[in-house]
Amino acid sequence: MDREAAREYYRAIDENDYAALSALLADGFVHERPDRTIEGRAAFVSFMRDDRPATDTEHVLETVYEATADDRVAAEGRLLAPDGTDWFGFVDVFLAGDDGIARLRTYTDGG
């Protein structure tokens, strides 16, 4: 996993490019967030496409960190609401698997 894969993840979400998002994720992808855990690539892509609170948001990345000892990347940023205001700050920790992003844990500042 590298910084560019993390940046592509946010680009795919912000531009509603669900084919690209799906291609980045491992089949057994798991997303752990403060409000829920989503298991499986298809379930996550479906949530992003159909069930998230707003699809016209924008991720603004402040820093993307790449670990040298393992396949982890962390991204720190904020999510902008549809009107352009800050919705909340976040840190996402990505873990790579053999076939793409295997796990993502999201931490938020509560907004």
N, C-alpha and C. Protein backbone atom coordinates (compact mmCIF):
# COMPACT_ATOMS: atom_id res chain seq x y z
N MET A 1 0.87 -1.18 0.00
CA MET A 1 0.00 0.00 0.00
C MET A 1 0.90 1.22 0.00
N ASP A 2 0.55 2.19 -0.82
CA ASP A 2 1.32 3.42 -0.85
C ASP A 2 0.40 4.64 -0.79
N ARG A 3 1.02 5.78 -0.69
CA ARG A 3 0.26 7.03 -0.57
C ARG A 3 -0.68 7.25 -1.75
N GLU A 4 -0.21 6.90 -2.94
CA GLU A 4 -1.03 7.13 -4.14
C GLU A 4 -2.31 6.29 -4.13
N ALA A 5 -2.25 5.08 -3.61
CA ALA A 5 -3.46 4.25 -3.51
C ALA A 5 -4.46 4.91 -2.57
N ALA A 6 -3.98 5.48 -1.47
CA ALA A 6 -4.88 6.17 -0.54
C ALA A 6 -5.50 7.39 -1.22
N ARG A 7 -4.69 8.15 -1.92
CA ARG A 7 -5.23 9.33 -2.63
C ARG A 7 -6.27 8.92 -3.68
N GLU A 8 -6.02 7.82 -4.37
CA GLU A 8 -6.96 7.32 -5.37
C GLU A 8 -8.27 6.88 -4.71
N TYR A 9 -8.20 6.31 -3.52
CA TYR A 9 -9.39 5.92 -2.77
C TYR A 9 -10.32 7.13 -2.57
N TYR A 10 -9.77 8.23 -2.09
CA TYR A 10 -10.59 9.43 -1.86
C TYR A 10 -11.07 10.04 -3.17
N ARG A 11 -10.24 10.04 -4.20
CA ARG A 11 -10.67 10.56 -5.50
C ARG A 11 -11.87 9.77 -6.00
N ALA A 12 -11.79 8.45 -5.92
CA ALA A 12 -12.88 7.59 -6.40
C ALA A 12 -14.18 7.88 -5.64
N ILE A 13 -14.09 8.06 -4.33
CA ILE A 13 -15.29 8.36 -3.54
C ILE A 13 -15.83 9.74 -3.90
N ASP A 14 -14.97 10.75 -3.91
CA ASP A 14 -15.42 12.12 -4.18
C ASP A 14 -16.01 12.29 -5.57
N GLU A 15 -15.51 11.52 -6.53
CA GLU A 15 -16.01 11.62 -7.91
C GLU A 15 -17.04 10.55 -8.25
N ASN A 16 -17.50 9.82 -7.23
CA ASN A 16 -18.51 8.77 -7.42
C ASN A 16 -18.07 7.76 -8.48
N ASP A 17 -16.78 7.44 -8.49
CA ASP A 17 -16.20 6.48 -9.44
C ASP A 17 -16.15 5.11 -8.76
N TYR A 18 -17.30 4.44 -8.72
CA TYR A 18 -17.43 3.21 -7.95
C TYR A 18 -16.70 2.03 -8.57
N ALA A 19 -16.49 2.04 -9.86
CA ALA A 19 -15.69 0.98 -10.50
C ALA A 19 -14.24 1.07 -10.02
N ALA A 20 -13.70 2.29 -9.99
CA ALA A 20 -12.33 2.48 -9.51
C ALA A 20 -12.23 2.15 -8.02
N LEU A 21 -13.22 2.54 -7.24
CA LEU A 21 -13.23 2.23 -5.82
C LEU A 21 -13.21 0.72 -5.61
N SER A 22 -14.07 0.02 -6.31
CA SER A 22 -14.13 -1.44 -6.19
C SER A 22 -12.80 -2.08 -6.56
N ALA A 23 -12.14 -1.57 -7.58
CA ALA A 23 -10.87 -2.14 -8.02
C ALA A 23 -9.76 -1.97 -6.99
N LEU A 24 -9.87 -0.97 -6.12
CA LEU A 24 -8.87 -0.73 -5.09
C LEU A 24 -8.99 -1.67 -3.90
N LEU A 25 -10.18 -2.24 -3.69
CA LEU A 25 -10.49 -2.98 -2.47
C LEU A 25 -10.33 -4.48 -2.64
N ALA A 26 -9.84 -5.14 -1.59
CA ALA A 26 -9.80 -6.60 -1.55
C ALA A 26 -11.23 -7.12 -1.42
N ASP A 27 -11.45 -8.34 -1.87
CA ASP A 27 -12.78 -8.93 -1.80
C ASP A 27 -13.31 -8.96 -0.37
N GLY A 28 -12.47 -9.29 0.58
CA GLY A 28 -12.87 -9.37 1.98
C GLY A 28 -12.68 -8.07 2.75
N PHE A 29 -12.68 -6.94 2.06
CA PHE A 29 -12.48 -5.63 2.66
C PHE A 29 -13.39 -5.41 3.86
N VAL A 30 -12.84 -4.78 4.92
CA VAL A 30 -13.61 -4.42 6.11
C VAL A 30 -13.34 -2.96 6.43
N HIS A 31 -14.41 -2.19 6.64
CA HIS A 31 -14.28 -0.79 7.06
C HIS A 31 -14.88 -0.65 8.45
N GLU A 32 -14.02 -0.28 9.39
CA GLU A 32 -14.46 -0.03 10.76
C GLU A 32 -14.55 1.48 10.96
N ARG A 33 -15.75 1.94 11.29
CA ARG A 33 -15.98 3.36 11.50
C ARG A 33 -16.64 3.54 12.87
N PRO A 34 -16.69 4.75 13.37
CA PRO A 34 -17.29 4.95 14.69
C PRO A 34 -18.74 4.50 14.79
N ASP A 35 -19.48 4.58 13.70
CA ASP A 35 -20.91 4.26 13.75
C ASP A 35 -21.28 2.87 13.24
N ARG A 36 -20.34 2.15 12.61
CA ARG A 36 -20.67 0.83 12.06
C ARG A 36 -19.43 0.16 11.50
N THR A 37 -19.56 -1.12 11.24
CA THR A 37 -18.54 -1.88 10.53
C THR A 37 -19.19 -2.43 9.27
N ILE A 38 -18.53 -2.24 8.13
CA ILE A 38 -19.04 -2.73 6.85
C ILE A 38 -18.08 -3.80 6.37
N GLU A 39 -18.60 -4.98 6.11
CA GLU A 39 -17.77 -6.11 5.71
C GLU A 39 -18.05 -6.50 4.27
N GLY A 40 -16.97 -6.59 3.47
CA GLY A 40 -17.08 -7.01 2.08
C GLY A 40 -16.99 -5.84 1.11
N ARG A 41 -16.25 -6.06 0.03
CA ARG A 41 -16.09 -5.02 -1.00
C ARG A 41 -17.43 -4.59 -1.57
N ALA A 42 -18.27 -5.55 -1.96
CA ALA A 42 -19.55 -5.20 -2.58
C ALA A 42 -20.44 -4.42 -1.62
N ALA A 43 -20.46 -4.81 -0.35
CA ALA A 43 -21.29 -4.11 0.64
C ALA A 43 -20.79 -2.68 0.85
N PHE A 44 -19.47 -2.49 0.86
CA PHE A 44 -18.92 -1.15 1.06
C PHE A 44 -19.22 -0.26 -0.15
N VAL A 45 -19.00 -0.76 -1.33
CA VAL A 45 -19.26 0.04 -2.54
C VAL A 45 -20.75 0.38 -2.61
N SER A 46 -21.60 -0.56 -2.28
CA SER A 46 -23.04 -0.31 -2.26
C SER A 46 -23.39 0.78 -1.24
N PHE A 47 -22.79 0.72 -0.06
CA PHE A 47 -23.03 1.75 0.95
C PHE A 47 -22.60 3.12 0.44
N MET A 48 -21.41 3.19 -0.15
CA MET A 48 -20.91 4.47 -0.65
C MET A 48 -21.80 5.03 -1.76
N ARG A 49 -22.32 4.15 -2.59
CA ARG A 49 -23.14 4.58 -3.72
C ARG A 49 -24.56 4.93 -3.29
N ASP A 50 -25.15 4.12 -2.38
CA ASP A 50 -26.59 4.22 -2.13
C ASP A 50 -27.01 4.67 -0.73
N ASP A 51 -26.15 4.49 0.27
CA ASP A 51 -26.63 4.66 1.65
C ASP A 51 -25.91 5.70 2.49
N ARG A 52 -24.82 6.26 2.03
CA ARG A 52 -24.14 7.24 2.88
C ARG A 52 -24.96 8.51 2.95
N PRO A 53 -24.79 9.27 4.03
CA PRO A 53 -25.64 10.46 4.25
C PRO A 53 -25.60 11.48 3.12
N ALA A 54 -24.44 11.66 2.48
CA ALA A 54 -24.33 12.62 1.38
C ALA A 54 -23.27 12.11 0.41
N THR A 55 -23.55 12.20 -0.89
CA THR A 55 -22.58 11.75 -1.89
C THR A 55 -21.83 12.91 -2.54
N ASP A 56 -22.21 14.13 -2.22
CA ASP A 56 -21.54 15.28 -2.82
C ASP A 56 -20.63 15.99 -1.82
N THR A 57 -19.87 15.18 -1.09
CA THR A 57 -18.90 15.68 -0.13
C THR A 57 -17.51 15.70 -0.77
N GLU A 58 -16.54 16.27 -0.06
CA GLU A 58 -15.17 16.29 -0.56
C GLU A 58 -14.20 16.01 0.58
N HIS A 59 -13.29 15.07 0.35
CA HIS A 59 -12.22 14.78 1.31
C HIS A 59 -11.04 15.71 1.02
N VAL A 60 -10.63 16.46 2.02
CA VAL A 60 -9.46 17.34 1.90
C VAL A 60 -8.36 16.70 2.74
N LEU A 61 -7.33 16.23 2.07
CA LEU A 61 -6.23 15.56 2.77
C LEU A 61 -5.20 16.58 3.22
N GLU A 62 -4.83 16.49 4.49
CA GLU A 62 -3.79 17.36 5.03
C GLU A 62 -2.43 16.66 4.96
N THR A 63 -2.41 15.37 5.32
CA THR A 63 -1.18 14.60 5.31
C THR A 63 -1.51 13.14 5.06
N VAL A 64 -0.65 12.48 4.29
CA VAL A 64 -0.75 11.03 4.10
C VAL A 64 0.58 10.44 4.54
N TYR A 65 0.50 9.52 5.50
CA TYR A 65 1.68 8.90 6.09
C TYR A 65 1.82 7.48 5.57
N GLU A 66 3.03 7.07 5.26
CA GLU A 66 3.29 5.70 4.79
C GLU A 66 4.26 5.04 5.76
N ALA A 67 3.86 3.88 6.32
CA ALA A 67 4.73 3.13 7.22
C ALA A 67 5.80 2.41 6.41
N THR A 68 6.97 2.32 6.96
CA THR A 68 8.05 1.62 6.26
C THR A 68 8.14 0.15 6.68
N ALA A 69 7.59 -0.20 7.83
CA ALA A 69 7.73 -1.56 8.35
C ALA A 69 6.63 -2.50 7.89
N ASP A 70 5.49 -2.00 7.49
CA ASP A 70 4.39 -2.86 7.05
C ASP A 70 3.59 -2.16 5.95
N ASP A 71 2.52 -2.77 5.55
CA ASP A 71 1.72 -2.23 4.46
C ASP A 71 0.59 -1.34 4.98
N ARG A 72 0.94 -0.36 5.77
CA ARG A 72 -0.05 0.57 6.32
C ARG A 72 0.19 1.98 5.78
N VAL A 73 -0.92 2.66 5.58
CA VAL A 73 -0.91 4.07 5.22
C VAL A 73 -1.96 4.74 6.08
N ALA A 74 -1.67 5.93 6.56
CA ALA A 74 -2.66 6.70 7.31
C ALA A 74 -2.86 8.04 6.61
N ALA A 75 -4.09 8.48 6.57
CA ALA A 75 -4.43 9.76 5.95
C ALA A 75 -5.17 10.61 6.96
N GLU A 76 -4.74 11.85 7.07
CA GLU A 76 -5.36 12.80 7.98
C GLU A 76 -5.98 13.91 7.15
N GLY A 77 -7.22 14.24 7.47
CA GLY A 77 -7.87 15.29 6.72
C GLY A 77 -9.20 15.70 7.31
N ARG A 78 -10.01 16.29 6.46
CA ARG A 78 -11.34 16.69 6.89
C ARG A 78 -12.32 16.45 5.75
N LEU A 79 -13.54 16.21 6.13
CA LEU A 79 -14.60 16.01 5.14
C LEU A 79 -15.42 17.28 5.06
N LEU A 80 -15.57 17.78 3.84
CA LEU A 80 -16.38 18.96 3.62
C LEU A 80 -17.81 18.55 3.30
N ALA A 81 -18.75 19.22 3.92
CA ALA A 81 -20.18 19.00 3.66
C ALA A 81 -20.51 19.52 2.26
N PRO A 82 -21.70 19.17 1.75
CA PRO A 82 -22.09 19.64 0.41
C PRO A 82 -22.03 21.15 0.23
N ASP A 83 -22.21 21.91 1.32
CA ASP A 83 -22.14 23.38 1.19
C ASP A 83 -20.72 23.93 1.32
N GLY A 84 -19.70 23.03 1.45
CA GLY A 84 -18.31 23.45 1.51
C GLY A 84 -17.77 23.70 2.91
N THR A 85 -18.62 23.60 3.91
CA THR A 85 -18.15 23.78 5.29
C THR A 85 -17.55 22.48 5.83
N ASP A 86 -16.71 22.62 6.84
CA ASP A 86 -16.14 21.43 7.48
C ASP A 86 -17.25 20.62 8.15
N TRP A 87 -17.30 19.32 7.84
CA TRP A 87 -18.25 18.43 8.48
C TRP A 87 -17.58 17.79 9.69
N PHE A 88 -16.40 17.18 9.47
CA PHE A 88 -15.61 16.63 10.57
C PHE A 88 -14.20 16.32 10.10
N GLY A 89 -13.31 16.20 11.07
CA GLY A 89 -11.95 15.78 10.79
C GLY A 89 -11.84 14.27 10.91
N PHE A 90 -10.88 13.68 10.22
CA PHE A 90 -10.73 12.23 10.27
C PHE A 90 -9.27 11.82 10.15
N VAL A 91 -9.00 10.61 10.61
CA VAL A 91 -7.78 9.89 10.32
C VAL A 91 -8.21 8.52 9.88
N ASP A 92 -7.77 8.10 8.70
CA ASP A 92 -8.04 6.77 8.18
C ASP A 92 -6.74 5.99 8.17
N VAL A 93 -6.81 4.76 8.67
CA VAL A 93 -5.65 3.87 8.65
C VAL A 93 -5.97 2.71 7.71
N PHE A 94 -5.20 2.60 6.64
CA PHE A 94 -5.38 1.57 5.61
C PHE A 94 -4.40 0.43 5.85
N LEU A 95 -4.85 -0.78 5.64
CA LEU A 95 -3.98 -1.96 5.67
C LEU A 95 -4.15 -2.70 4.35
N ALA A 96 -3.05 -2.93 3.67
CA ALA A 96 -3.09 -3.61 2.37
C ALA A 96 -3.12 -5.12 2.54
N GLY A 97 -3.77 -5.76 1.60
CA GLY A 97 -3.76 -7.21 1.49
C GLY A 97 -3.16 -7.59 0.15
N ASP A 98 -3.20 -8.87 -0.17
CA ASP A 98 -2.63 -9.35 -1.43
C ASP A 98 -3.37 -8.82 -2.66
N ASP A 99 -4.67 -8.55 -2.50
CA ASP A 99 -5.47 -8.15 -3.66
C ASP A 99 -6.10 -6.77 -3.52
N GLY A 100 -5.48 -5.90 -2.73
CA GLY A 100 -5.99 -4.55 -2.59
C GLY A 100 -6.08 -4.13 -1.14
N ILE A 101 -6.79 -3.06 -0.89
CA ILE A 101 -6.97 -2.56 0.48
C ILE A 101 -7.82 -3.58 1.23
N ALA A 102 -7.26 -4.14 2.30
CA ALA A 102 -7.95 -5.19 3.04
C ALA A 102 -8.78 -4.65 4.19
N ARG A 103 -8.30 -3.58 4.80
CA ARG A 103 -8.95 -3.07 6.00
C ARG A 103 -8.76 -1.57 6.07
N LEU A 104 -9.78 -0.90 6.59
CA LEU A 104 -9.72 0.54 6.79
C LEU A 104 -10.39 0.84 8.11
N ARG A 105 -9.68 1.55 8.97
CA ARG A 105 -10.25 1.99 10.24
C ARG A 105 -10.29 3.50 10.23
N THR A 106 -11.47 4.06 10.48
CA THR A 106 -11.68 5.50 10.47
C THR A 106 -11.88 6.01 11.89
N TYR A 107 -11.15 7.08 12.21
CA TYR A 107 -11.29 7.79 13.47
C TYR A 107 -11.75 9.20 13.12
N THR A 108 -12.72 9.72 13.86
CA THR A 108 -13.21 11.07 13.58
C THR A 108 -13.16 11.93 14.85
N ASP A 109 -13.20 13.24 14.64
CA ASP A 109 -13.21 14.15 15.79
C ASP A 109 -14.63 14.44 16.25
N GLY A 110 -15.61 13.75 15.69
CA GLY A 110 -16.98 13.91 16.12
C GLY A 110 -17.76 15.00 15.40
N GLY A 111 -17.06 15.87 14.68
CA GLY A 111 -17.72 16.89 13.87
C GLY A 111 -18.36 17.93 14.63
